[in-house]
Amino acid sequence: MDSVNLSEYSTGYWMWLRTVYKQIDFDKGVILMMMAGPFSRLPNPWTFLLIDLYIIGLFSCVILLPVPFIFRYFTVCRNKILTGWQYAALIAICYLITFLYTGLHSWAFWPSDYKDRYAYIIDHEFWKDDDGNLPYFVASDIKERRIIVLVFFTMLFGMISYAFVICFNVCIMRVLGRNAHIMSKKTQAMQKQLGNVFKYQALVPFIICVMPLTFVFVLCALGVRTAGKGSILTMIVGWIPVANPFSTIFFIRHYRRVVLRKTPFKKCFKKQIEDGTTGKASTTPSNVNAITTVQPPTPTTDFQII
């Protein structure tokens, strides 16, 4: 592939990304949020509503993190499996908090007549379309204090969410440690890997969501101008919907082995697949007690720790 084709390929890939992600830019304490690609020319309030929809999806990924830890806490520590209604109630509470936070975000970025006042921030070729038009946007100035309130509650909800994750995980690990002597080795391995998966799923949003957003707020408070580079942060955050499923597939060896057998890259991982194959029949977990309780169950799977 020569340099011309590589440049065209990179440009095409970048234009595809622009149709997927919401964009952000900031200068001297002013944060601008806008849609990208075919949505960039939607006037307000449509741009405003689409950004709110994006915020609902983004914030729910963080606020829903404690739910699997709470479910596992009741199963392991209380010997109680939550009913469907109880699980749905947990989800409903999380989404209620998400909608309240989205309302706060709407208040901080409420559309007004600031297009002429802040258009200079994105008045360069990076943001213009083929006709030279700038995208519609919503903005919030740190001098108006609204963004400070939004940042405060963003950090508060994030800390509460991760506090629940840490607290319930510590309780679960203590119970499993006390009862390790009555569990089979395979059950211990299953519990250890399940705990690792949950911890990785909690860590991934922190790395690709909480940290970039914190970086955005810090740069905004310092009055830094990004001149289009803020899109790098939003592209990182945009991976959060697929990050947790990917981490689950990658860190559970049984799932990873199945995926690698079906992909074009299986030759590269042939040795790993052969090493992970035991020659024994493998079944999916059919007994809930084999996964979630501390009683010594009959092993039904061949999941292995990576």
C-alpha atoms as a PDB file:
ATOM      1  CA  MET A   1       0.000   0.000   0.000  1.00  0.00           C
ATOM      2  CA  ASP A   2       1.637   3.287  -1.138  1.00  0.00           C
ATOM      3  CA  SER A   3       1.475   6.553   0.765  1.00  0.00           C
ATOM      4  CA  VAL A   4      -1.386   7.923  -1.378  1.00  0.00           C
ATOM      5  CA  ASN A   5      -3.621   4.906  -0.778  1.00  0.00           C
ATOM      6  CA  LEU A   6      -2.723   4.918   2.896  1.00  0.00           C
ATOM      7  CA  SER A   7      -3.671   8.583   3.147  1.00  0.00           C
ATOM      8  CA  GLU A   8      -6.996   7.958   1.391  1.00  0.00           C
ATOM      9  CA  TYR A   9      -7.683   4.960   3.624  1.00  0.00           C
ATOM     10  CA  SER A  10      -6.894   6.958   6.768  1.00  0.00           C
ATOM     11  CA  THR A  11      -9.103   9.824   5.612  1.00  0.00           C
ATOM     12  CA  GLY A  12     -11.974   7.454   4.886  1.00  0.00           C
ATOM     13  CA  TYR A  13     -11.581   5.768   8.255  1.00  0.00           C
ATOM     14  CA  TRP A  14     -11.558   9.157  10.003  1.00  0.00           C
ATOM     15  CA  MET A  15     -14.713  10.270   8.150  1.00  0.00           C
ATOM     16  CA  TRP A  16     -16.418   7.035   9.237  1.00  0.00           C
ATOM     17  CA  LEU A  17     -15.451   7.752  12.841  1.00  0.00           C
ATOM     18  CA  ARG A  18     -16.881  11.246  12.548  1.00  0.00           C
ATOM     19  CA  THR A  19     -20.308   9.776  11.740  1.00  0.00           C
ATOM     20  CA  VAL A  20     -20.201   7.739  14.933  1.00  0.00           C
ATOM     21  CA  TYR A  21     -18.949   9.943  17.733  1.00  0.00           C
ATOM     22  CA  LYS A  22     -20.148  13.062  19.403  1.00  0.00           C
ATOM     23  CA  GLN A  23     -17.412  15.683  19.390  1.00  0.00           C
ATOM     24  CA  ILE A  24     -16.100  18.105  21.985  1.00  0.00           C
ATOM     25  CA  ASP A  25     -13.853  21.142  21.872  1.00  0.00           C
ATOM     26  CA  PHE A  26     -12.971  23.794  24.436  1.00  0.00           C
ATOM     27  CA  ASP A  27     -11.095  27.035  24.886  1.00  0.00           C
ATOM     28  CA  LYS A  28     -10.574  29.382  27.868  1.00  0.00           C
ATOM     29  CA  GLY A  29     -13.038  27.564  30.113  1.00  0.00           C
ATOM     30  CA  VAL A  30     -15.765  27.163  27.462  1.00  0.00           C
ATOM     31  CA  ILE A  31     -16.805  23.614  26.507  1.00  0.00           C
ATOM     32  CA  LEU A  32     -18.535  23.027  23.173  1.00  0.00           C
ATOM     33  CA  MET A  33     -20.394  19.802  22.393  1.00  0.00           C
ATOM     34  CA  MET A  34     -21.626  18.944  18.919  1.00  0.00           C
ATOM     35  CA  MET A  35     -22.719  16.019  16.796  1.00  0.00           C
ATOM     36  CA  ALA A  36     -20.574  14.699  13.952  1.00  0.00           C
ATOM     37  CA  GLY A  37     -21.046  13.481  10.404  1.00  0.00           C
ATOM     38  CA  PRO A  38     -24.606  13.678   9.012  1.00  0.00           C
ATOM     39  CA  PHE A  39     -25.911  14.962  12.359  1.00  0.00           C
ATOM     40  CA  SER A  40     -23.581  17.965  12.495  1.00  0.00           C
ATOM     41  CA  ARG A  41     -25.976  20.198  10.551  1.00  0.00           C
ATOM     42  CA  LEU A  42     -29.013  19.466  12.703  1.00  0.00           C
ATOM     43  CA  PRO A  43     -30.103  22.743  14.333  1.00  0.00           C
ATOM     44  CA  ASN A  44     -30.987  23.016  17.978  1.00  0.00           C
ATOM     45  CA  PRO A  45     -32.899  21.617  19.774  1.00  0.00           C
ATOM     46  CA  TRP A  46     -32.181  18.432  17.758  1.00  0.00           C
ATOM     47  CA  THR A  47     -28.429  18.590  18.349  1.00  0.00           C
ATOM     48  CA  PHE A  48     -29.144  19.242  22.018  1.00  0.00           C
ATOM     49  CA  LEU A  49     -31.494  16.223  22.259  1.00  0.00           C
ATOM     50  CA  LEU A  50     -29.087  13.877  20.463  1.00  0.00           C
ATOM     51  CA  ILE A  51     -26.289  14.891  22.822  1.00  0.00           C
ATOM     52  CA  ASP A  52     -28.586  14.150  25.776  1.00  0.00           C
ATOM     53  CA  LEU A  53     -29.289  10.717  24.287  1.00  0.00           C
ATOM     54  CA  TYR A  54     -25.535  10.151  24.054  1.00  0.00           C
ATOM     55  CA  ILE A  55     -25.120  11.217  27.703  1.00  0.00           C
ATOM     56  CA  ILE A  56     -27.780   8.702  28.788  1.00  0.00           C
ATOM     57  CA  GLY A  57     -25.879   5.859  27.141  1.00  0.00           C
ATOM     58  CA  LEU A  58     -22.499   7.045  28.391  1.00  0.00           C
ATOM     59  CA  PHE A  59     -23.448   7.694  32.012  1.00  0.00           C
ATOM     60  CA  SER A  60     -25.484   4.481  32.326  1.00  0.00           C
ATOM     61  CA  CYS A  61     -22.329   2.478  31.517  1.00  0.00           C
ATOM     62  CA  VAL A  62     -20.758   3.854  34.708  1.00  0.00           C
ATOM     63  CA  ILE A  63     -23.780   3.938  37.004  1.00  0.00           C
ATOM     64  CA  LEU A  64     -24.723   0.314  36.166  1.00  0.00           C
ATOM     65  CA  LEU A  65     -21.310  -1.029  37.221  1.00  0.00           C
ATOM     66  CA  PRO A  66     -22.324  -2.016  40.800  1.00  0.00           C
ATOM     67  CA  VAL A  67     -25.314  -4.105  39.650  1.00  0.00           C
ATOM     68  CA  PRO A  68     -23.441  -7.399  38.933  1.00  0.00           C
ATOM     69  CA  PHE A  69     -21.444  -6.966  42.161  1.00  0.00           C
ATOM     70  CA  ILE A  70     -24.667  -6.488  44.161  1.00  0.00           C
ATOM     71  CA  PHE A  71     -26.193  -9.558  42.501  1.00  0.00           C
ATOM     72  CA  ARG A  72     -23.123 -11.655  43.282  1.00  0.00           C
ATOM     73  CA  TYR A  73     -22.955 -10.289  46.849  1.00  0.00           C
ATOM     74  CA  PHE A  74     -26.455 -11.547  47.656  1.00  0.00           C
ATOM     75  CA  THR A  75     -25.734 -14.884  45.979  1.00  0.00           C
ATOM     76  CA  VAL A  76     -22.390 -15.569  47.649  1.00  0.00           C
ATOM     77  CA  CYS A  77     -22.675 -13.734  50.971  1.00  0.00           C
ATOM     78  CA  ARG A  78     -26.415 -13.996  51.672  1.00  0.00           C
ATOM     79  CA  ASN A  79     -27.118 -17.262  49.849  1.00  0.00           C
ATOM     80  CA  LYS A  80     -29.991 -15.529  48.064  1.00  0.00           C
ATOM     81  CA  ILE A  81     -30.550 -15.195  44.337  1.00  0.00           C
ATOM     82  CA  LEU A  82     -32.317 -11.962  43.427  1.00  0.00           C
ATOM     83  CA  THR A  83     -35.603 -12.395  41.612  1.00  0.00           C
ATOM     84  CA  GLY A  84     -36.244 -10.898  38.223  1.00  0.00           C
ATOM     85  CA  TRP A  85     -38.287  -8.092  39.798  1.00  0.00           C
ATOM     86  CA  GLN A  86     -35.529  -7.259  42.284  1.00  0.00           C
ATOM     87  CA  TYR A  87     -32.930  -7.217  39.528  1.00  0.00           C
ATOM     88  CA  ALA A  88     -35.206  -5.029  37.393  1.00  0.00           C
ATOM     89  CA  ALA A  89     -35.621  -2.662  40.361  1.00  0.00           C
ATOM     90  CA  LEU A  90     -31.833  -2.245  40.579  1.00  0.00           C
ATOM     91  CA  ILE A  91     -31.686  -1.452  36.873  1.00  0.00           C
ATOM     92  CA  ALA A  92     -34.591   0.992  37.214  1.00  0.00           C
ATOM     93  CA  ILE A  93     -32.882   2.849  40.086  1.00  0.00           C
ATOM     94  CA  CYS A  94     -29.698   3.169  38.040  1.00  0.00           C
ATOM     95  CA  TYR A  95     -31.575   4.541  35.045  1.00  0.00           C
ATOM     96  CA  LEU A  96     -33.496   6.951  37.278  1.00  0.00           C
ATOM     97  CA  ILE A  97     -30.158   8.360  38.474  1.00  0.00           C
ATOM     98  CA  THR A  98     -29.001   8.465  34.843  1.00  0.00           C
ATOM     99  CA  PHE A  99     -32.034  10.497  33.759  1.00  0.00           C
ATOM    100  CA  LEU A 100     -31.591  12.886  36.694  1.00  0.00           C
ATOM    101  CA  TYR A 101     -27.954  13.369  35.729  1.00  0.00           C
ATOM    102  CA  THR A 102     -28.947  13.928  32.090  1.00  0.00           C
ATOM    103  CA  GLY A 103     -31.349  16.627  33.273  1.00  0.00           C
ATOM    104  CA  LEU A 104     -28.469  18.273  35.115  1.00  0.00           C
ATOM    105  CA  HIS A 105     -26.347  18.052  31.965  1.00  0.00           C
ATOM    106  CA  SER A 106     -29.188  19.643  29.971  1.00  0.00           C
ATOM    107  CA  TRP A 107     -29.311  22.499  32.465  1.00  0.00           C
ATOM    108  CA  ALA A 108     -25.542  23.041  32.134  1.00  0.00           C
ATOM    109  CA  PHE A 109     -25.625  23.009  28.305  1.00  0.00           C
ATOM    110  CA  TRP A 110     -29.045  24.564  27.708  1.00  0.00           C
ATOM    111  CA  PRO A 111     -29.222  26.022  24.154  1.00  0.00           C
ATOM    112  CA  SER A 112     -29.127  29.806  23.940  1.00  0.00           C
ATOM    113  CA  ASP A 113     -27.972  32.560  21.607  1.00  0.00           C
ATOM    114  CA  TYR A 114     -24.273  31.789  22.009  1.00  0.00           C
ATOM    115  CA  LYS A 115     -23.556  30.638  18.469  1.00  0.00           C
ATOM    116  CA  ASP A 116     -22.005  33.957  17.436  1.00  0.00           C
ATOM    117  CA  ARG A 117     -20.240  34.316  20.779  1.00  0.00           C
ATOM    118  CA  TYR A 118     -18.429  30.937  20.789  1.00  0.00           C
ATOM    119  CA  ALA A 119     -18.214  30.029  17.089  1.00  0.00           C
ATOM    120  CA  TYR A 120     -14.616  31.281  16.990  1.00  0.00           C
ATOM    121  CA  ILE A 121     -13.533  28.216  19.012  1.00  0.00           C
ATOM    122  CA  ILE A 122     -14.286  25.864  16.127  1.00  0.00           C
ATOM    123  CA  ASP A 123     -13.734  28.332  13.295  1.00  0.00           C
ATOM    124  CA  HIS A 124     -11.055  26.345  11.475  1.00  0.00           C
ATOM    125  CA  GLU A 125     -10.936  23.754   8.718  1.00  0.00           C
ATOM    126  CA  PHE A 126     -10.974  20.794  11.078  1.00  0.00           C
ATOM    127  CA  TRP A 127     -14.657  21.326  11.944  1.00  0.00           C
ATOM    128  CA  LYS A 128     -15.971  22.662   8.628  1.00  0.00           C
ATOM    129  CA  ASP A 129     -17.841  20.422   6.186  1.00  0.00           C
ATOM    130  CA  ASP A 130     -17.306  20.346   2.426  1.00  0.00           C
ATOM    131  CA  ASP A 131     -19.368  23.516   2.017  1.00  0.00           C
ATOM    132  CA  GLY A 132     -17.426  25.381   4.689  1.00  0.00           C
ATOM    133  CA  ASN A 133     -20.242  25.276   7.251  1.00  0.00           C
ATOM    134  CA  LEU A 134     -19.594  24.860  10.965  1.00  0.00           C
ATOM    135  CA  PRO A 135     -21.555  22.271  12.974  1.00  0.00           C
ATOM    136  CA  TYR A 136     -24.299  23.283  15.377  1.00  0.00           C
ATOM    137  CA  PHE A 137     -23.276  23.022  19.005  1.00  0.00           C
ATOM    138  CA  VAL A 138     -24.228  23.583  22.627  1.00  0.00           C
ATOM    139  CA  ALA A 139     -21.863  25.294  25.037  1.00  0.00           C
ATOM    140  CA  SER A 140     -21.201  25.900  28.710  1.00  0.00           C
ATOM    141  CA  ASP A 141     -18.903  28.536  30.183  1.00  0.00           C
ATOM    142  CA  ILE A 142     -17.103  27.742  33.424  1.00  0.00           C
ATOM    143  CA  LYS A 143     -17.655  31.362  34.467  1.00  0.00           C
ATOM    144  CA  GLU A 144     -21.405  30.685  34.674  1.00  0.00           C
ATOM    145  CA  ARG A 145     -20.765  28.015  37.348  1.00  0.00           C
ATOM    146  CA  ARG A 146     -23.149  25.491  35.778  1.00  0.00           C
ATOM    147  CA  ILE A 147     -20.346  23.320  34.468  1.00  0.00           C
ATOM    148  CA  ILE A 148     -18.790  23.339  37.950  1.00  0.00           C
ATOM    149  CA  VAL A 149     -22.012  21.911  39.414  1.00  0.00           C
ATOM    150  CA  LEU A 150     -22.102  19.309  36.635  1.00  0.00           C
ATOM    151  CA  VAL A 151     -18.486  18.296  37.277  1.00  0.00           C
ATOM    152  CA  PHE A 152     -19.170  18.007  41.016  1.00  0.00           C
ATOM    153  CA  PHE A 153     -22.081  15.616  40.546  1.00  0.00           C
ATOM    154  CA  THR A 154     -20.217  13.707  37.832  1.00  0.00           C
ATOM    155  CA  MET A 155     -17.370  13.000  40.229  1.00  0.00           C
ATOM    156  CA  LEU A 156     -19.783  12.320  43.112  1.00  0.00           C
ATOM    157  CA  PHE A 157     -21.815   9.720  41.214  1.00  0.00           C
ATOM    158  CA  GLY A 158     -18.641   8.166  39.823  1.00  0.00           C
ATOM    159  CA  MET A 159     -17.080   7.834  43.284  1.00  0.00           C
ATOM    160  CA  ILE A 160     -20.297   6.377  44.746  1.00  0.00           C
ATOM    161  CA  SER A 161     -20.516   3.840  41.914  1.00  0.00           C
ATOM    162  CA  TYR A 162     -16.932   2.673  42.384  1.00  0.00           C
ATOM    163  CA  ALA A 163     -17.302   2.722  46.183  1.00  0.00           C
ATOM    164  CA  PHE A 164     -20.142   0.197  45.826  1.00  0.00           C
ATOM    165  CA  VAL A 165     -18.014  -1.895  43.472  1.00  0.00           C
ATOM    166  CA  ILE A 166     -15.065  -1.977  45.885  1.00  0.00           C
ATOM    167  CA  CYS A 167     -17.206  -2.559  48.996  1.00  0.00           C
ATOM    168  CA  PHE A 168     -19.224  -5.459  47.598  1.00  0.00           C
ATOM    169  CA  ASN A 169     -16.159  -7.020  45.987  1.00  0.00           C
ATOM    170  CA  VAL A 170     -14.270  -6.956  49.312  1.00  0.00           C
ATOM    171  CA  CYS A 171     -17.213  -8.638  51.069  1.00  0.00           C
ATOM    172  CA  ILE A 172     -17.393 -11.316  48.378  1.00  0.00           C
ATOM    173  CA  MET A 173     -13.655 -12.025  48.515  1.00  0.00           C
ATOM    174  CA  ARG A 174     -13.758 -12.362  52.313  1.00  0.00           C
ATOM    175  CA  VAL A 175     -16.582 -14.905  52.214  1.00  0.00           C
ATOM    176  CA  LEU A 176     -14.907 -16.901  49.451  1.00  0.00           C
ATOM    177  CA  GLY A 177     -11.626 -16.844  51.382  1.00  0.00           C
ATOM    178  CA  ARG A 178     -13.269 -18.148  54.575  1.00  0.00           C
ATOM    179  CA  ASN A 179     -14.991 -20.954  52.693  1.00  0.00           C
ATOM    180  CA  ALA A 180     -12.164 -21.931  50.357  1.00  0.00           C
ATOM    181  CA  HIS A 181     -11.578 -25.171  52.296  1.00  0.00           C
ATOM    182  CA  ILE A 182     -15.073 -26.491  51.485  1.00  0.00           C
ATOM    183  CA  MET A 183     -14.929 -25.673  47.770  1.00  0.00           C
ATOM    184  CA  SER A 184     -13.490 -27.861  45.057  1.00  0.00           C
ATOM    185  CA  LYS A 185     -10.447 -26.587  43.180  1.00  0.00           C
ATOM    186  CA  LYS A 186     -12.497 -26.101  40.043  1.00  0.00           C
ATOM    187  CA  THR A 187     -15.101 -24.058  41.911  1.00  0.00           C
ATOM    188  CA  GLN A 188     -12.347 -21.927  43.431  1.00  0.00           C
ATOM    189  CA  ALA A 189     -10.905 -21.363  39.964  1.00  0.00           C
ATOM    190  CA  MET A 190     -14.344 -20.447  38.648  1.00  0.00           C
ATOM    191  CA  GLN A 191     -14.962 -17.976  41.458  1.00  0.00           C
ATOM    192  CA  LYS A 192     -11.522 -16.430  41.039  1.00  0.00           C
ATOM    193  CA  GLN A 193     -11.957 -15.933  37.317  1.00  0.00           C
ATOM    194  CA  LEU A 194     -15.478 -14.576  37.748  1.00  0.00           C
ATOM    195  CA  GLY A 195     -14.135 -12.076  40.269  1.00  0.00           C
ATOM    196  CA  ASN A 196     -11.344 -11.081  37.889  1.00  0.00           C
ATOM    197  CA  VAL A 197     -13.814 -10.510  35.055  1.00  0.00           C
ATOM    198  CA  PHE A 198     -15.987  -8.261  37.233  1.00  0.00           C
ATOM    199  CA  LYS A 199     -12.942  -6.271  38.327  1.00  0.00           C
ATOM    200  CA  TYR A 200     -11.749  -5.836  34.748  1.00  0.00           C
ATOM    201  CA  GLN A 201     -15.232  -4.745  33.697  1.00  0.00           C
ATOM    202  CA  ALA A 202     -15.166  -2.105  36.428  1.00  0.00           C
ATOM    203  CA  LEU A 203     -11.642  -0.998  35.537  1.00  0.00           C
ATOM    204  CA  VAL A 204     -12.263  -0.594  31.801  1.00  0.00           C
ATOM    205  CA  PRO A 205     -14.854   2.242  32.115  1.00  0.00           C
ATOM    206  CA  PHE A 206     -12.543   3.991  34.572  1.00  0.00           C
ATOM    207  CA  ILE A 207      -9.722   4.009  32.016  1.00  0.00           C
ATOM    208  CA  ILE A 208     -11.666   4.874  28.861  1.00  0.00           C
ATOM    209  CA  CYS A 209     -14.444   7.015  30.358  1.00  0.00           C
ATOM    210  CA  VAL A 210     -13.752   8.495  33.799  1.00  0.00           C
ATOM    211  CA  MET A 211     -10.106   9.398  33.164  1.00  0.00           C
ATOM    212  CA  PRO A 212     -10.649  11.088  29.744  1.00  0.00           C
ATOM    213  CA  LEU A 213     -13.620  13.086  31.052  1.00  0.00           C
ATOM    214  CA  THR A 214     -11.634  14.147  34.103  1.00  0.00           C
ATOM    215  CA  PHE A 215      -8.859  15.227  31.749  1.00  0.00           C
ATOM    216  CA  VAL A 216     -11.402  17.283  29.772  1.00  0.00           C
ATOM    217  CA  PHE A 217     -12.600  19.089  32.900  1.00  0.00           C
ATOM    218  CA  VAL A 218      -9.031  19.784  34.037  1.00  0.00           C
ATOM    219  CA  LEU A 219      -8.048  21.211  30.641  1.00  0.00           C
ATOM    220  CA  CYS A 220     -11.200  23.301  30.610  1.00  0.00           C
ATOM    221  CA  ALA A 221     -10.469  24.689  34.076  1.00  0.00           C
ATOM    222  CA  LEU A 222      -6.918  25.549  32.966  1.00  0.00           C
ATOM    223  CA  GLY A 223      -8.246  27.431  29.944  1.00  0.00           C
ATOM    224  CA  VAL A 224      -6.459  25.230  27.392  1.00  0.00           C
ATOM    225  CA  ARG A 225      -7.537  25.397  23.752  1.00  0.00           C
ATOM    226  CA  THR A 226      -7.641  22.023  22.005  1.00  0.00           C
ATOM    227  CA  ALA A 227      -8.236  23.202  18.417  1.00  0.00           C
ATOM    228  CA  GLY A 228      -9.905  19.932  17.413  1.00  0.00           C
ATOM    229  CA  LYS A 229      -7.803  17.624  19.551  1.00  0.00           C
ATOM    230  CA  GLY A 230     -10.730  17.154  21.935  1.00  0.00           C
ATOM    231  CA  SER A 231     -12.094  14.666  19.396  1.00  0.00           C
ATOM    232  CA  ILE A 232      -9.328  12.264  20.456  1.00  0.00           C
ATOM    233  CA  LEU A 233     -10.818  12.116  23.948  1.00  0.00           C
ATOM    234  CA  THR A 234     -14.349  11.566  22.675  1.00  0.00           C
ATOM    235  CA  MET A 235     -13.129   8.806  20.355  1.00  0.00           C
ATOM    236  CA  ILE A 236     -11.613   7.039  23.368  1.00  0.00           C
ATOM    237  CA  VAL A 237     -14.832   7.420  25.357  1.00  0.00           C
ATOM    238  CA  GLY A 238     -16.816   6.155  22.377  1.00  0.00           C
ATOM    239  CA  TRP A 239     -15.397   2.636  22.852  1.00  0.00           C
ATOM    240  CA  ILE A 240     -17.136   2.133  26.187  1.00  0.00           C
ATOM    241  CA  PRO A 241     -20.238   0.282  24.816  1.00  0.00           C
ATOM    242  CA  VAL A 242     -18.060  -2.542  23.444  1.00  0.00           C
ATOM    243  CA  ALA A 243     -15.273  -2.467  26.032  1.00  0.00           C
ATOM    244  CA  ASN A 244     -17.015  -4.547  28.701  1.00  0.00           C
ATOM    245  CA  PRO A 245     -18.257  -7.336  26.375  1.00  0.00           C
ATOM    246  CA  PHE A 246     -14.794  -7.513  24.799  1.00  0.00           C
ATOM    247  CA  SER A 247     -13.101  -7.726  28.200  1.00  0.00           C
ATOM    248  CA  THR A 248     -15.437 -10.584  29.180  1.00  0.00           C
ATOM    249  CA  ILE A 249     -14.637 -12.530  26.014  1.00  0.00           C
ATOM    250  CA  PHE A 250     -10.919 -11.852  26.325  1.00  0.00           C
ATOM    251  CA  PHE A 251     -10.429 -12.692  30.003  1.00  0.00           C
ATOM    252  CA  ILE A 252     -12.578 -15.873  30.128  1.00  0.00           C
ATOM    253  CA  ARG A 253     -10.435 -18.492  28.473  1.00  0.00           C
ATOM    254  CA  HIS A 254     -13.356 -20.693  27.418  1.00  0.00           C
ATOM    255  CA  TYR A 255     -14.992 -17.807  25.509  1.00  0.00           C
ATOM    256  CA  ARG A 256     -11.670 -16.605  24.109  1.00  0.00           C
ATOM    257  CA  ARG A 257     -10.843 -20.060  22.794  1.00  0.00           C
ATOM    258  CA  VAL A 258     -14.179 -20.300  20.967  1.00  0.00           C
ATOM    259  CA  VAL A 259     -13.740 -16.863  19.394  1.00  0.00           C
ATOM    260  CA  LEU A 260     -10.175 -17.545  18.274  1.00  0.00           C
ATOM    261  CA  ARG A 261     -11.268 -20.749  16.540  1.00  0.00           C
ATOM    262  CA  LYS A 262     -13.769 -18.775  14.468  1.00  0.00           C
ATOM    263  CA  THR A 263     -11.575 -15.838  13.465  1.00  0.00           C
ATOM    264  CA  PRO A 264      -9.059 -15.418  10.626  1.00  0.00           C
ATOM    265  CA  PHE A 265      -6.372 -14.978  13.287  1.00  0.00           C
ATOM    266  CA  LYS A 266      -6.688 -18.517  14.648  1.00  0.00           C
ATOM    267  CA  LYS A 267      -3.373 -19.583  13.058  1.00  0.00           C
ATOM    268  CA  CYS A 268      -1.587 -16.898  15.062  1.00  0.00           C
ATOM    269  CA  PHE A 269      -3.077 -18.318  18.248  1.00  0.00           C
ATOM    270  CA  LYS A 270      -2.896 -22.001  17.267  1.00  0.00           C
ATOM    271  CA  LYS A 271      -0.453 -22.879  20.009  1.00  0.00           C
ATOM    272  CA  GLN A 272      -2.542 -21.116  22.643  1.00  0.00           C
ATOM    273  CA  ILE A 273      -5.694 -22.904  21.484  1.00  0.00           C
ATOM    274  CA  GLU A 274      -3.968 -26.298  21.520  1.00  0.00           C
ATOM    275  CA  ASP A 275      -2.543 -25.653  24.989  1.00  0.00           C
ATOM    276  CA  GLY A 276      -5.978 -24.691  26.273  1.00  0.00           C
ATOM    277  CA  THR A 277      -7.677 -27.797  24.864  1.00  0.00           C
ATOM    278  CA  THR A 278      -7.931 -30.508  27.493  1.00  0.00           C
ATOM    279  CA  GLY A 279      -9.600 -33.162  25.413  1.00  0.00           C
ATOM    280  CA  LYS A 280     -12.475 -33.333  27.870  1.00  0.00           C
ATOM    281  CA  ALA A 281     -16.063 -32.599  27.050  1.00  0.00           C
ATOM    282  CA  SER A 282     -16.957 -29.012  27.831  1.00  0.00           C
ATOM    283  CA  THR A 283     -20.413 -27.794  28.705  1.00  0.00           C
ATOM    284  CA  THR A 284     -21.853 -24.449  29.635  1.00  0.00           C
ATOM    285  CA  PRO A 285     -22.694 -23.869  33.313  1.00  0.00           C
ATOM    286  CA  SER A 286     -26.126 -25.375  33.958  1.00  0.00           C
ATOM    287  CA  ASN A 287     -26.020 -25.446  37.738  1.00  0.00           C
ATOM    288  CA  VAL A 288     -26.188 -22.011  39.374  1.00  0.00           C
ATOM    289  CA  ASN A 289     -24.709 -23.389  42.601  1.00  0.00           C
ATOM    290  CA  ALA A 290     -21.593 -24.484  40.709  1.00  0.00           C
ATOM    291  CA  ILE A 291     -20.851 -20.853  39.956  1.00  0.00           C
ATOM    292  CA  THR A 292     -22.262 -18.704  42.712  1.00  0.00           C
ATOM    293  CA  THR A 293     -22.409 -20.602  46.007  1.00  0.00           C
ATOM    294  CA  VAL A 294     -19.744 -21.714  48.406  1.00  0.00           C
ATOM    295  CA  GLN A 295     -21.024 -25.287  48.628  1.00  0.00           C
ATOM    296  CA  PRO A 296     -18.810 -27.972  47.046  1.00  0.00           C
ATOM    297  CA  PRO A 297     -20.544 -28.620  43.694  1.00  0.00           C
ATOM    298  CA  THR A 298     -19.940 -31.235  41.057  1.00  0.00           C
ATOM    299  CA  PRO A 299     -17.659 -29.700  38.407  1.00  0.00           C
ATOM    300  CA  THR A 300     -19.525 -29.177  35.136  1.00  0.00           C
ATOM    301  CA  THR A 301     -17.136 -26.992  33.151  1.00  0.00           C
ATOM    302  CA  ASP A 302     -13.507 -26.796  32.195  1.00  0.00           C
ATOM    303  CA  PHE A 303     -13.073 -23.022  32.520  1.00  0.00           C
ATOM    304  CA  GLN A 304      -9.467 -22.174  33.235  1.00  0.00           C
ATOM    305  CA  ILE A 305      -7.688 -19.214  34.710  1.00  0.00           C
ATOM    306  CA  ILE A 306      -5.654 -17.297  32.179  1.00  0.00           C
END
